[in-house]
Amino acid sequence: MHLLLTDRLTCPRCGPGFGLILLTKRLEDRRVFDGSLGCPNCRDRFPIQGGFADLRPPPRDPLGAAPQPTVPSGQDTERILALIGQLEGPGNVALVGDAWVHAAALADRLPEVEAVAVDAAARGDVERDRVSRMVAGGDLPFNPWTFRALVSAGDAVDPEEALRVVARGGRVVIERAPAGARARLEGARARILLDESGWIVALRETS
């Protein structure tokens, strides 16, 4: 996990408005390999092991054995790159649920972007440059406007919650969009750029 990303995290238990304090055990090249994130409000701690952060609110069941890494289709990655739009300069892009498998490929294609993989299966990968890995609960433990784009699959994250953490001018891309996703995004004042073949792309125009 990149050190600077920890400044954007909020307590999964207490919600937005309550930041986390990083306690490191192993830090190399501005990447946190081992340590914990503590909330000064509820006093809960969230572990980081091998660069992977467990940001689920309590009660937290064991995650079990780490799965084998998944190699995504290059064609699917190219589609996601096209749908998130032209990204230049530094920033963060979230990949939630099954979409996390594209994190490494996007990081390779976007050299100034930190790809943030949010799914339990991401712990099967190894720590690498420009990819942060974590698992979260239903709500995303990030401050508003953390990401320049967010990609999710199915119902991995509520559409309005996805829009909350995307900055103005950023896009929310949903693969296998669930029923009602478009209405939820439009209700949150997002502009729909694409709604086709199970894909929805929404633009956040308001701050």
Protein backbone atom coordinates (compact mmCIF):
# COMPACT_ATOMS: atom_id res chain seq x y z
CA MET A 1 0.00 0.00 0.00
CA HIS A 2 1.31 3.42 -0.93
CA LEU A 3 2.08 5.61 2.04
CA LEU A 4 0.22 8.65 0.66
CA LEU A 5 -2.99 6.65 0.19
CA THR A 6 -3.25 6.18 3.95
CA ASP A 7 -3.98 9.91 4.25
CA ARG A 8 -7.17 9.38 2.24
CA LEU A 9 -8.54 6.54 4.37
CA THR A 10 -11.40 6.83 6.86
CA CYS A 11 -12.46 4.52 9.67
CA PRO A 12 -14.65 1.67 8.34
CA ARG A 13 -16.43 1.59 11.70
CA CYS A 14 -16.93 5.32 12.41
CA GLY A 15 -17.34 6.47 8.81
CA PRO A 16 -16.27 9.62 6.95
CA GLY A 17 -14.94 12.33 9.20
CA PHE A 18 -12.75 9.96 11.18
CA GLY A 19 -9.31 9.42 9.69
CA LEU A 20 -6.91 6.61 10.47
CA ILE A 21 -3.43 6.75 12.00
CA LEU A 22 -0.76 4.60 10.40
CA LEU A 23 1.57 2.52 12.58
CA THR A 24 4.26 0.91 10.44
CA LYS A 25 6.35 -2.17 11.09
CA ARG A 26 7.87 -2.37 7.62
CA LEU A 27 8.07 0.53 5.16
CA GLU A 28 10.09 0.42 1.93
CA ASP A 29 10.20 3.00 -0.87
CA ARG A 30 7.08 4.73 0.51
CA ARG A 31 5.12 1.46 0.47
CA VAL A 32 3.67 -0.01 3.67
CA PHE A 33 4.28 -3.76 3.83
CA ASP A 34 3.33 -4.45 7.45
CA GLY A 35 1.65 -2.46 10.17
CA SER A 36 -1.82 -1.30 11.14
CA LEU A 37 -4.24 1.58 10.76
CA GLY A 38 -5.83 2.79 13.98
CA CYS A 39 -8.89 4.93 14.61
CA PRO A 40 -8.47 7.52 17.40
CA ASN A 41 -12.25 7.57 17.89
CA CYS A 42 -13.26 3.90 18.29
CA ARG A 43 -9.72 2.59 19.00
CA ASP A 44 -10.14 -0.23 16.50
CA ARG A 45 -7.13 -1.34 14.47
CA PHE A 46 -7.04 -2.59 10.91
CA PRO A 47 -4.07 -4.77 9.95
CA ILE A 48 -1.75 -4.44 6.95
CA GLN A 49 0.09 -7.65 6.09
CA GLY A 50 2.28 -8.09 3.04
CA GLY A 51 1.01 -4.75 1.77
CA PHE A 52 -2.64 -5.90 1.92
CA ALA A 53 -4.96 -3.95 4.25
CA ASP A 54 -8.05 -5.41 5.92
CA LEU A 55 -10.43 -2.45 6.16
CA ARG A 56 -13.61 -4.31 7.02
CA PRO A 57 -15.68 -3.04 9.93
CA PRO A 58 -16.08 -5.47 12.85
CA PRO A 59 -16.95 -8.24 13.24
CA ARG A 60 -14.29 -9.47 10.82
CA ASP A 61 -14.31 -13.16 9.87
CA PRO A 62 -11.01 -14.77 8.79
CA LEU A 63 -10.28 -14.23 5.11
CA GLY A 64 -9.05 -17.77 4.54
CA ALA A 65 -6.33 -18.86 2.14
CA ALA A 66 -5.17 -16.34 -0.45
CA PRO A 67 -6.35 -17.29 -3.96
CA GLN A 68 -4.05 -17.67 -6.92
CA PRO A 69 -3.49 -14.44 -8.91
CA THR A 70 -5.78 -13.94 -11.90
CA VAL A 71 -4.56 -12.72 -15.29
CA PRO A 72 -7.23 -10.62 -17.00
CA SER A 73 -7.96 -10.43 -20.71
CA GLY A 74 -5.96 -7.70 -22.43
CA GLN A 75 -9.03 -6.79 -24.45
CA ASP A 76 -11.06 -6.22 -21.29
CA THR A 77 -8.31 -4.04 -19.83
CA GLU A 78 -8.21 -1.96 -23.00
CA ARG A 79 -11.96 -1.43 -22.77
CA ILE A 80 -11.67 -0.22 -19.19
CA LEU A 81 -8.86 2.16 -20.16
CA ALA A 82 -11.07 3.63 -22.85
CA LEU A 83 -14.08 3.96 -20.56
CA ILE A 84 -12.31 5.74 -17.71
CA GLY A 85 -11.12 8.39 -20.17
CA GLN A 86 -7.81 10.11 -20.68
CA LEU A 87 -5.88 10.30 -17.41
CA GLU A 88 -2.72 12.37 -17.27
CA GLY A 89 -0.73 13.27 -14.21
CA PRO A 90 -0.78 11.71 -10.73
CA GLY A 91 -3.88 10.38 -9.02
CA ASN A 92 -5.73 7.27 -7.82
CA VAL A 93 -8.05 4.88 -9.67
CA ALA A 94 -10.18 2.38 -7.72
CA LEU A 95 -11.00 -1.11 -8.99
CA VAL A 96 -13.67 -2.71 -6.81
CA GLY A 97 -14.88 -6.31 -6.77
CA ASP A 98 -13.97 -8.51 -9.74
CA ALA A 99 -12.58 -5.44 -11.52
CA TRP A 100 -9.54 -5.55 -9.21
CA VAL A 101 -7.79 -8.00 -11.59
CA HIS A 102 -7.07 -5.11 -13.96
CA ALA A 103 -5.13 -3.11 -11.35
CA ALA A 104 -1.61 -4.18 -12.39
CA ALA A 105 -2.30 -3.76 -16.11
CA LEU A 106 -3.77 -0.29 -15.57
CA ALA A 107 -0.81 0.70 -13.42
CA ASP A 108 1.54 -0.38 -16.21
CA ARG A 109 -0.36 1.69 -18.75
CA LEU A 110 -0.83 4.75 -16.50
CA PRO A 111 2.64 5.38 -15.02
CA GLU A 112 1.61 8.25 -12.70
CA VAL A 113 -1.53 6.57 -11.34
CA GLU A 114 -1.88 4.43 -8.22
CA ALA A 115 -4.36 1.61 -8.93
CA VAL A 116 -6.28 0.66 -5.78
CA ALA A 117 -7.60 -2.92 -5.85
CA VAL A 118 -10.50 -3.36 -3.39
CA ASP A 119 -11.40 -7.03 -3.07
CA ALA A 120 -10.50 -9.91 -0.76
CA ALA A 121 -9.04 -11.85 -3.68
CA ALA A 122 -6.42 -9.13 -4.23
CA ARG A 123 -4.45 -10.50 -1.29
CA GLY A 124 -3.36 -13.32 -3.59
CA ASP A 125 -1.14 -10.88 -5.49
CA VAL A 126 2.23 -9.59 -4.27
CA GLU A 127 3.03 -6.00 -3.33
CA ARG A 128 4.25 -4.02 -6.31
CA ASP A 129 4.81 -0.45 -7.39
CA ARG A 130 1.68 1.64 -8.16
CA VAL A 131 -0.84 -0.95 -6.94
CA SER A 132 -2.42 -0.77 -3.46
CA ARG A 133 -4.49 -3.74 -2.29
CA MET A 134 -7.19 -4.00 0.36
CA VAL A 135 -10.56 -5.43 1.32
CA ALA A 136 -13.45 -3.27 2.56
CA GLY A 137 -17.03 -3.63 3.71
CA GLY A 138 -20.13 -2.27 2.00
CA ASP A 139 -18.98 1.34 2.27
CA LEU A 140 -15.66 2.46 0.85
CA PRO A 141 -13.28 3.72 3.59
CA PHE A 142 -12.09 6.76 1.65
CA ASN A 143 -12.53 10.50 1.89
CA PRO A 144 -14.73 12.13 -0.76
CA TRP A 145 -13.05 12.89 -4.08
CA THR A 146 -10.19 10.42 -3.52
CA PHE A 147 -10.28 8.89 -7.00
CA ARG A 148 -10.05 10.18 -10.54
CA ALA A 149 -12.06 7.15 -11.66
CA LEU A 150 -13.68 4.08 -10.15
CA VAL A 151 -14.41 0.76 -11.88
CA SER A 152 -16.63 -1.87 -10.28
CA ALA A 153 -18.27 -5.12 -11.31
CA GLY A 154 -21.85 -6.08 -10.53
CA ASP A 155 -23.09 -4.96 -7.12
CA ALA A 156 -19.60 -4.75 -5.55
CA VAL A 157 -20.32 -1.19 -4.42
CA ASP A 158 -23.43 0.97 -4.23
CA PRO A 159 -23.48 3.38 -7.22
CA GLU A 160 -23.97 6.45 -5.01
CA GLU A 161 -21.14 5.34 -2.74
CA ALA A 162 -18.91 4.94 -5.80
CA LEU A 163 -19.79 8.45 -6.93
CA ARG A 164 -19.05 9.86 -3.46
CA VAL A 165 -15.36 8.95 -3.63
CA VAL A 166 -14.80 10.13 -7.22
CA ALA A 167 -13.60 13.67 -7.86
CA ARG A 168 -15.37 16.21 -10.02
CA GLY A 169 -14.80 15.35 -13.67
CA GLY A 170 -14.11 11.71 -12.77
CA ARG A 171 -15.96 8.67 -14.04
CA VAL A 172 -17.70 5.71 -12.45
CA VAL A 173 -17.60 2.63 -14.68
CA ILE A 174 -19.81 -0.35 -13.81
CA GLU A 175 -19.51 -3.70 -15.57
CA ARG A 176 -22.53 -6.01 -15.34
CA ALA A 177 -24.48 -3.08 -13.92
CA PRO A 178 -27.27 -4.20 -11.57
CA ALA A 179 -30.87 -3.12 -12.01
CA GLY A 180 -31.47 0.43 -10.87
CA ALA A 181 -27.81 1.48 -11.08
CA ARG A 182 -28.50 4.13 -13.71
CA ALA A 183 -31.35 5.65 -11.72
CA ARG A 184 -29.20 5.78 -8.58
CA LEU A 185 -26.41 7.57 -10.42
CA GLU A 186 -28.77 10.03 -12.06
CA GLY A 187 -30.42 10.64 -8.70
CA ALA A 188 -26.99 11.61 -7.39
CA ARG A 189 -26.71 14.12 -10.27
CA ALA A 190 -24.22 12.17 -12.35
CA ARG A 191 -24.36 12.43 -16.15
CA ILE A 192 -24.68 9.10 -17.94
CA LEU A 193 -22.18 8.82 -20.79
CA LEU A 194 -22.87 5.18 -21.70
CA ASP A 195 -25.50 2.57 -20.89
CA GLU A 196 -24.99 -0.38 -23.19
CA SER A 197 -24.55 -4.16 -23.03
CA GLY A 198 -24.43 -4.18 -19.24
CA TRP A 199 -21.88 -1.35 -18.99
CA ILE A 200 -22.66 2.02 -17.43
CA VAL A 201 -20.30 4.99 -17.47
CA ALA A 202 -21.25 8.02 -15.38
CA LEU A 203 -19.52 11.40 -15.10
CA ARG A 204 -19.43 13.35 -11.85
CA GLU A 205 -19.97 16.95 -12.81
CA THR A 206 -20.64 18.47 -9.38
CA SER A 207 -18.23 18.92 -6.49
